Amino acid sequence: MGRQSKIVIAERYKPFSHKEGASCLIPLTDWVVVAYPTRLEFADFFGHFRTVDLGLTGPVKGFTLQQDLEKRLCRVFGVEKSGFFELHVFREGNDLSLKWVRGKKKGEKVVLMGLTPSETSLKSYEKISLGSSKKQDVDLMWRRANMIEVLPILYALSQNVPLPSEEKLTHLPQTEEEFSHFVKGGFDSLFVPKRGDERHLGIFCEQIPDSCSPLHRLKEFKSAFRALFIKEEEGKVVLLPNLPKKFLSGRFLGVKVEGATIDVEWRKGTIHSVIISPDKEIELSIVWPKEIRSFRIEKREGLIPRESRIILKEEKKTVIDKFQK
């Protein structure tokens, strides 16, 4: 299984194929940055707009927009006439700021605008890996259309921007093919959600009305994708309830359920290990995949029913492994 990689993806400027420039959501905001070699444009989904002239002398070589979900910022860099430059766009408190990190304007910081207070914070979030360790080049990702690469990044993004509270979409993906259509039809560039099939691919893509944010698409994706690996229903935690056949190996780390945090790993389509870290002393009811017949808890082996009740002590990790079919 591939290593758990940092979530950093980039797109080079391609004026002949991206008439809007390279664009991405700015972490912790509901704004999009559109990057050109000498200019940045900022827009939300309701027509509000800002521009920044970078004051660079072209031609700019290697101009790249990079979204870093680990550091929660957007990075713009390249080589202009006077040399290499790099600047960061990020949320700071309730402000959207731009800071020059390298180049002739190094150290300069500009507050671009005030932002609406948000509940999205720098708390830890759930991380998922589906076994891919390929370089996170967004152009190659779009061409390969491999959901094993794409979906974990989209899930990380869904936890790094403020999502709407209400539900809007009714047709949610459940299979790998449906997730592929959902992403291809509903997202563009560095995973910026669209209102509909604006690239006219002919793929079904439920339309989001102009009065609502396209971030609804990201919200519904987050819920549907998470449900492949874990569900909470009637006080029970169901592990790997709808695992697609092609997602043979993976890890889901830091999964928050009522009263505990769970790390789960699977290999060859079968659960391999589970680590439970309780917030308090609780009794957790777990429903295992139907093929599982036995496992080991804290080095104690034995047959178990498909549904198990496990007593957890506060601040004591419980390791479950050696799963047998």
Foldseek 3Di string as FASTA:
>chain_A
DADQDFQKEKDWFDVVPDVQAFKDAQFAEQKMWHDDPQKIKIDHLQPDIDIDGNPFADPWARWMWMQGLVVRWIKTWTATPVGIWIKIWHDDQQFIKIATCDDPRHGDMDTRDGHDDAPQDPDDDKAKALRDPDDRYPVVCVVVLDCNNVVRSLLSRLSGYGADDDADDDDADQAPVSVSLAQQFAADRHGDGDQTNPVPPVRHYHGDDSVDGSSSSSVRSNVNVVVCAWDADPQAIEGRPNPYQVSAWMWIFQCDDVFWGKIWTGHRNATFKMKIAGQAWDWHKYAYPPQWFWKDKPNRTDGDDRIDIHTDHHRDMIMIGPTDD
